[in-house]
């Protein structure tokens, strides 16, 4: 493990972030509310790219391009945060790197969080983003990419598409970094619990809290929106997974692989031991830089 990875791992452990998941629900949500005060939509003022503020179903979306002219292809990029935590300014720097390395425009939607609405609203908004991008860039020219809950949405676009009467073309690529999902099989739950002590950022207890939050009082939320690996992946060409072998969500890997096999989807898995949750989306140390480069390479093809 590189020195940079060791330093960040140590910082995460010292932050005590994992302990927040053990708080009672009301206290936990109060902590999330405090954190969200400094998060959300951010329109950069620098000249590193051409930035646009766009609105989709009443929600803001940041579009990052190399110039005013559209690129031939684009990436629909989703932030993580368990469907309850918004993005911070650091996400924009990652998007900028991704845009430059792939040559693709990047759309970054501020999808509705499950602190105020159900995950059905999140799916509807991001799917409308995807539809607008298909209109602009054409079928086969839009990829999806996300980390944690955003990784779930990157896959979820395809499963949601398969429930629609008038389906859109499937994403060119799907890159899912530690995709989130509520476990639904005993084996999956056991695998997540097994990694709980090793995961320095996320606690398994959140997997037991998040379904209620995602439903947000609704009883009509489709299973595939909660348990992402249950979704219909028919027609998907490829999915690329990135995991730390020592994170709780690594326990869902086999369910996603089984889903890919069921629907004849090509897949690849990049995994590393000793890394923190979604490490590849913090490309500032050796291991993360290498795997971020691989992600960019996939999305540029």
Protein backbone atom coordinates (compact mmCIF):
# COMPACT_ATOMS: atom_id res chain seq x y z
CA UNK A 1 0.00 0.00 0.00
CA UNK A 2 1.31 3.45 -0.91
CA UNK A 3 2.12 6.06 1.72
CA UNK A 4 -0.67 8.27 0.38
CA UNK A 5 -3.24 5.50 0.87
CA UNK A 6 -1.98 4.84 4.40
CA UNK A 7 -2.28 8.53 5.33
CA UNK A 8 -5.84 8.80 4.01
CA UNK A 9 -6.85 5.54 5.68
CA UNK A 10 -5.51 6.86 8.97
CA UNK A 11 -7.36 10.16 8.52
CA UNK A 12 -10.66 8.36 7.87
CA UNK A 13 -10.24 6.21 10.98
CA UNK A 14 -9.45 9.24 13.13
CA UNK A 15 -12.43 11.19 11.77
CA UNK A 16 -14.86 8.82 13.46
CA UNK A 17 -17.22 9.00 10.49
CA UNK A 18 -18.19 5.34 10.90
CA UNK A 19 -19.60 6.01 14.35
CA UNK A 20 -22.25 8.32 12.88
CA UNK A 21 -24.01 5.30 11.34
CA UNK A 22 -24.53 3.87 14.83
CA UNK A 23 -26.54 6.88 16.01
CA UNK A 24 -30.32 6.59 16.50
CA UNK A 25 -32.19 7.51 13.31
CA UNK A 26 -33.24 11.01 14.38
CA UNK A 27 -29.71 11.92 15.54
CA UNK A 28 -28.21 10.38 12.40
CA UNK A 29 -30.49 12.45 10.15
CA UNK A 30 -29.68 15.60 12.13
CA UNK A 31 -25.98 14.98 11.41
CA UNK A 32 -26.76 14.52 7.71
CA UNK A 33 -28.79 17.74 7.71
CA UNK A 34 -25.83 19.65 9.16
CA UNK A 35 -23.47 18.22 6.56
CA UNK A 36 -25.83 19.05 3.69
CA UNK A 37 -25.80 22.75 4.61
CA UNK A 38 -22.37 23.01 2.97
CA UNK A 39 -23.16 20.71 0.04
CA UNK A 40 -25.17 20.84 -3.16
CA UNK A 41 -24.99 22.55 -6.53
CA UNK A 42 -21.82 24.50 -7.29
CA UNK A 43 -21.07 26.45 -10.47
CA UNK A 44 -17.30 26.99 -10.76
CA UNK A 45 -16.01 30.40 -11.78
CA UNK A 46 -12.64 29.26 -13.12
CA UNK A 47 -11.69 29.01 -16.79
CA UNK A 48 -10.66 25.35 -16.70
CA UNK A 49 -13.76 24.30 -18.64
CA UNK A 50 -17.04 25.56 -20.03
CA UNK A 51 -19.64 25.22 -17.26
CA UNK A 52 -23.41 25.37 -17.67
CA UNK A 53 -26.24 25.35 -15.17
CA UNK A 54 -29.13 23.27 -16.46
CA UNK A 55 -32.49 22.42 -14.90
CA UNK A 56 -34.18 19.03 -15.08
CA UNK A 57 -37.59 18.51 -13.47
CA UNK A 58 -36.93 21.42 -11.12
CA UNK A 59 -33.51 20.11 -10.07
CA UNK A 60 -30.16 21.60 -11.02
CA UNK A 61 -27.61 19.84 -13.17
CA UNK A 62 -24.04 20.97 -13.80
CA UNK A 63 -22.76 20.41 -17.34
CA UNK A 64 -18.99 20.45 -17.87
CA UNK A 65 -17.58 20.74 -21.41
CA UNK A 66 -14.16 21.51 -22.86
CA UNK A 67 -15.76 24.32 -24.94
CA UNK A 68 -19.18 25.68 -25.85
CA UNK A 69 -19.39 23.09 -28.63
CA UNK A 70 -20.85 19.72 -27.68
CA UNK A 71 -18.52 16.73 -27.70
CA UNK A 72 -19.47 13.66 -29.69
CA UNK A 73 -20.13 11.69 -26.51
CA UNK A 74 -21.10 12.36 -22.91
CA UNK A 75 -21.06 10.86 -19.43
CA UNK A 76 -23.95 11.02 -16.97
CA UNK A 77 -22.10 11.09 -13.63
CA UNK A 78 -23.69 10.46 -10.23
CA UNK A 79 -22.37 11.45 -6.81
CA UNK A 80 -22.62 9.08 -3.85
CA UNK A 81 -23.84 9.63 -0.33
CA UNK A 82 -26.32 6.88 0.41
CA UNK A 83 -29.14 8.79 -1.32
CA UNK A 84 -29.18 11.23 1.60
CA UNK A 85 -25.94 13.22 1.37
CA UNK A 86 -25.33 15.79 -1.36
CA UNK A 87 -22.09 16.40 -3.29
CA UNK A 88 -19.33 18.82 -2.32
CA UNK A 89 -16.96 20.97 -4.38
CA UNK A 90 -14.45 18.12 -4.55
CA UNK A 91 -16.80 16.26 -6.87
CA UNK A 92 -16.41 18.99 -9.47
CA UNK A 93 -12.63 18.55 -9.60
CA UNK A 94 -13.12 14.82 -10.26
CA UNK A 95 -15.62 15.58 -13.03
CA UNK A 96 -13.17 18.01 -14.58
CA UNK A 97 -10.46 15.33 -14.62
CA UNK A 98 -12.90 12.87 -16.16
CA UNK A 99 -13.92 15.33 -18.87
CA UNK A 100 -10.32 16.06 -19.82
CA UNK A 101 -9.19 12.43 -19.83
CA UNK A 102 -12.15 11.06 -21.79
CA UNK A 103 -12.93 13.93 -24.16
CA UNK A 104 -16.59 13.56 -23.15
CA UNK A 105 -18.97 16.18 -21.84
CA UNK A 106 -20.08 15.38 -18.29
CA UNK A 107 -23.55 15.96 -16.84
CA UNK A 108 -23.72 16.05 -13.05
CA UNK A 109 -27.33 16.05 -11.78
CA UNK A 110 -28.34 17.13 -8.28
CA UNK A 111 -30.88 14.33 -8.03
CA UNK A 112 -33.52 14.47 -5.25
CA UNK A 113 -32.28 13.07 -1.96
CA UNK A 114 -34.26 10.62 0.14
CA UNK A 115 -34.25 13.01 3.08
CA UNK A 116 -37.14 14.80 1.33
CA UNK A 117 -38.59 12.33 -1.17
CA UNK A 118 -38.54 8.68 -2.19
CA UNK A 119 -35.99 7.08 -4.46
CA UNK A 120 -38.67 6.96 -7.17
CA UNK A 121 -38.24 10.73 -7.60
CA UNK A 122 -34.47 10.26 -7.88
CA UNK A 123 -34.90 7.67 -10.62
CA UNK A 124 -37.38 9.79 -12.55
CA UNK A 125 -35.10 12.82 -12.51
CA UNK A 126 -31.92 11.04 -13.59
CA UNK A 127 -33.79 9.15 -16.30
CA UNK A 128 -35.06 12.46 -17.68
CA UNK A 129 -31.44 13.67 -17.68
CA UNK A 130 -30.49 10.58 -19.63
CA UNK A 131 -33.33 11.11 -22.11
CA UNK A 132 -32.24 14.68 -22.77
CA UNK A 133 -28.66 13.53 -23.29
CA UNK A 134 -29.75 10.86 -25.78
CA UNK A 135 -31.62 13.59 -27.67
CA UNK A 136 -28.47 15.72 -27.79
CA UNK A 137 -25.71 13.17 -28.31
CA UNK A 138 -27.58 10.26 -29.89
CA UNK A 139 -28.09 6.65 -28.89
CA UNK A 140 -24.91 4.78 -28.03
CA UNK A 141 -23.06 8.00 -27.19
CA UNK A 142 -23.96 8.36 -23.50
CA UNK A 143 -22.27 6.41 -20.69
CA UNK A 144 -23.21 6.33 -17.03
CA UNK A 145 -20.77 6.43 -14.12
CA UNK A 146 -21.22 6.79 -10.39
CA UNK A 147 -19.92 5.85 -6.98
CA UNK A 148 -21.72 4.28 -4.02
CA UNK A 149 -25.42 5.23 -4.34
CA UNK A 150 -24.42 6.96 -7.56
CA UNK A 151 -23.05 3.64 -8.79
CA UNK A 152 -26.45 2.15 -8.06
CA UNK A 153 -28.08 4.84 -10.21
CA UNK A 154 -25.54 4.27 -12.99
CA UNK A 155 -26.83 0.68 -13.19
CA UNK A 156 -30.38 1.66 -12.26
CA UNK A 157 -30.77 3.78 -15.40
CA UNK A 158 -30.66 0.55 -17.42
CA UNK A 159 -33.05 -1.40 -15.20
CA UNK A 160 -35.50 1.53 -15.11
CA UNK A 161 -35.24 1.78 -18.89
CA UNK A 162 -36.36 -1.83 -19.17
CA UNK A 163 -39.61 -0.99 -17.39
CA UNK A 164 -40.52 1.75 -19.87
CA UNK A 165 -42.91 1.31 -22.77
CA UNK A 166 -40.79 3.43 -25.09
CA UNK A 167 -37.27 2.39 -24.14
CA UNK A 168 -34.20 4.49 -24.83
CA UNK A 169 -30.92 3.08 -26.15
CA UNK A 170 -28.85 1.57 -23.36
CA UNK A 171 -25.72 3.32 -22.00
CA UNK A 172 -22.55 2.91 -24.03
CA UNK A 173 -20.70 1.94 -20.83
CA UNK A 174 -21.73 1.60 -17.21
CA UNK A 175 -19.04 2.18 -14.57
CA UNK A 176 -20.17 1.46 -11.01
CA UNK A 177 -17.76 2.21 -8.19
CA UNK A 178 -18.86 0.33 -5.04
CA UNK A 179 -22.52 0.41 -6.13
CA UNK A 180 -24.89 0.65 -3.20
CA UNK A 181 -27.83 -1.62 -2.61
CA UNK A 182 -29.91 -2.91 0.27
CA UNK A 183 -28.96 -6.61 0.65
CA UNK A 184 -31.74 -9.07 -0.16
CA UNK A 185 -30.09 -12.49 0.12
CA UNK A 186 -28.80 -14.16 3.27
CA UNK A 187 -25.43 -14.76 1.59
CA UNK A 188 -25.17 -11.11 0.63
CA UNK A 189 -26.00 -9.94 4.15
CA UNK A 190 -23.43 -12.33 5.62
CA UNK A 191 -20.74 -11.14 3.20
CA UNK A 192 -21.42 -7.51 4.09
CA UNK A 193 -21.35 -8.21 7.82
CA UNK A 194 -18.09 -10.13 7.43
CA UNK A 195 -16.40 -7.00 6.09
CA UNK A 196 -17.90 -4.63 8.65
CA UNK A 197 -14.85 -4.53 10.93
CA UNK A 198 -12.49 -3.92 8.01
CA UNK A 199 -14.57 -1.13 6.46
CA UNK A 200 -13.20 2.09 7.94
CA UNK A 201 -15.89 4.37 6.50
CA UNK A 202 -19.32 2.69 6.19
CA UNK A 203 -21.01 0.58 8.86
CA UNK A 204 -23.34 -2.31 8.04
CA UNK A 205 -25.99 -0.72 10.25
CA UNK A 206 -26.62 1.79 7.45
CA UNK A 207 -27.71 -1.09 5.22
CA UNK A 208 -30.46 -1.70 7.78
CA UNK A 209 -31.48 1.99 7.89
CA UNK A 210 -31.37 2.97 4.23
CA UNK A 211 -34.38 1.05 2.89
CA UNK A 212 -36.77 3.02 5.09
CA UNK A 213 -35.11 6.25 4.02
CA UNK A 214 -35.28 5.35 0.31
CA UNK A 215 -38.95 4.41 0.50
CA UNK A 216 -39.70 7.64 2.38
CA UNK A 217 -43.08 6.40 3.52
CA UNK A 218 -44.13 4.91 0.18
CA UNK A 219 -45.15 1.27 -0.22
CA UNK A 220 -45.10 1.26 -4.02
CA UNK A 221 -41.33 1.56 -4.58
CA UNK A 222 -40.24 -1.19 -7.01
CA UNK A 223 -37.83 -3.76 -5.57
CA UNK A 224 -35.16 -3.09 -8.22
CA UNK A 225 -34.78 0.50 -6.98
CA UNK A 226 -33.94 -0.74 -3.48
CA UNK A 227 -32.17 -3.98 -4.38
CA UNK A 228 -30.32 -2.88 -7.52
CA UNK A 229 -28.98 -6.31 -8.45
CA UNK A 230 -32.57 -7.57 -8.77
CA UNK A 231 -33.15 -5.34 -11.80
CA UNK A 232 -33.60 -6.44 -15.41
CA UNK A 233 -30.31 -5.86 -17.26
CA UNK A 234 -31.57 -7.10 -20.62
CA UNK A 235 -29.90 -5.27 -23.48
CA UNK A 236 -26.98 -3.92 -21.43
CA UNK A 237 -23.66 -4.41 -23.19
CA UNK A 238 -21.10 -3.95 -20.40
CA UNK A 239 -20.70 -3.02 -16.74
CA UNK A 240 -17.40 -2.26 -15.02
CA UNK A 241 -17.24 -2.58 -11.23
CA UNK A 242 -14.62 -1.09 -8.90
CA UNK A 243 -14.38 -2.22 -5.26
CA UNK A 244 -12.26 -2.21 -2.17
CA UNK A 245 -12.10 -5.82 -1.01
CA UNK A 246 -12.39 -4.54 2.56
CA UNK A 247 -15.61 -2.55 2.33
CA UNK A 248 -19.11 -3.56 3.39
CA UNK A 249 -20.54 -3.13 -0.11
CA UNK A 250 -18.04 -5.62 -1.50
CA UNK A 251 -20.50 -8.14 -0.10
CA UNK A 252 -22.91 -7.27 -2.94
CA UNK A 253 -20.38 -8.10 -5.67
CA UNK A 254 -21.54 -11.66 -6.26
CA UNK A 255 -25.18 -10.59 -6.62
CA UNK A 256 -24.17 -8.14 -9.35
CA UNK A 257 -22.02 -10.75 -11.08
CA UNK A 258 -24.92 -13.22 -10.97
CA UNK A 259 -27.20 -10.58 -12.50
CA UNK A 260 -24.70 -9.92 -15.29
CA UNK A 261 -24.47 -13.63 -16.05
CA UNK A 262 -28.25 -14.00 -15.99
CA UNK A 263 -28.69 -11.30 -18.63
CA UNK A 264 -25.53 -12.07 -20.66
CA UNK A 265 -23.88 -8.77 -19.79
CA UNK A 266 -20.11 -8.45 -20.22
CA UNK A 267 -18.52 -7.31 -16.98
CA UNK A 268 -15.17 -6.60 -15.36
CA UNK A 269 -14.23 -6.17 -11.70
CA UNK A 270 -11.34 -4.06 -10.42
CA UNK A 271 -10.71 -4.71 -6.72
CA UNK A 272 -7.99 -3.85 -4.24
CA UNK A 273 -7.37 -4.86 -0.64
CA UNK A 274 -6.89 -2.30 2.10
CA UNK A 275 -8.67 0.57 0.34
CA UNK A 276 -11.49 2.70 1.71
CA UNK A 277 -14.99 2.94 0.22
CA UNK A 278 -14.95 4.55 -3.26
CA UNK A 279 -11.20 5.19 -3.09
CA UNK A 280 -10.91 5.42 -6.90
CA UNK A 281 -12.95 8.62 -6.93
CA UNK A 282 -10.24 10.35 -4.90
CA UNK A 283 -7.42 10.14 -7.48
CA UNK A 284 -4.67 11.77 -5.44
CA UNK A 285 -2.59 8.74 -4.40
CA UNK A 286 -1.02 5.88 -6.35
CA UNK A 287 -3.71 3.20 -6.23
CA UNK A 288 -6.58 5.61 -6.80
CA UNK A 289 -4.77 7.34 -9.69
CA UNK A 290 -4.17 4.02 -11.41
CA UNK A 291 -7.77 2.88 -11.11
CA UNK A 292 -9.19 6.28 -12.03
CA UNK A 293 -7.06 6.13 -15.17
CA UNK A 294 -8.59 2.74 -15.96
CA UNK A 295 -12.09 4.15 -15.48
CA UNK A 296 -11.30 7.07 -17.76
CA UNK A 297 -9.88 4.71 -20.36
CA UNK A 298 -13.05 2.62 -20.35
CA UNK A 299 -15.26 5.69 -20.71
CA UNK A 300 -13.14 7.10 -23.52
CA UNK A 301 -13.55 4.00 -25.70
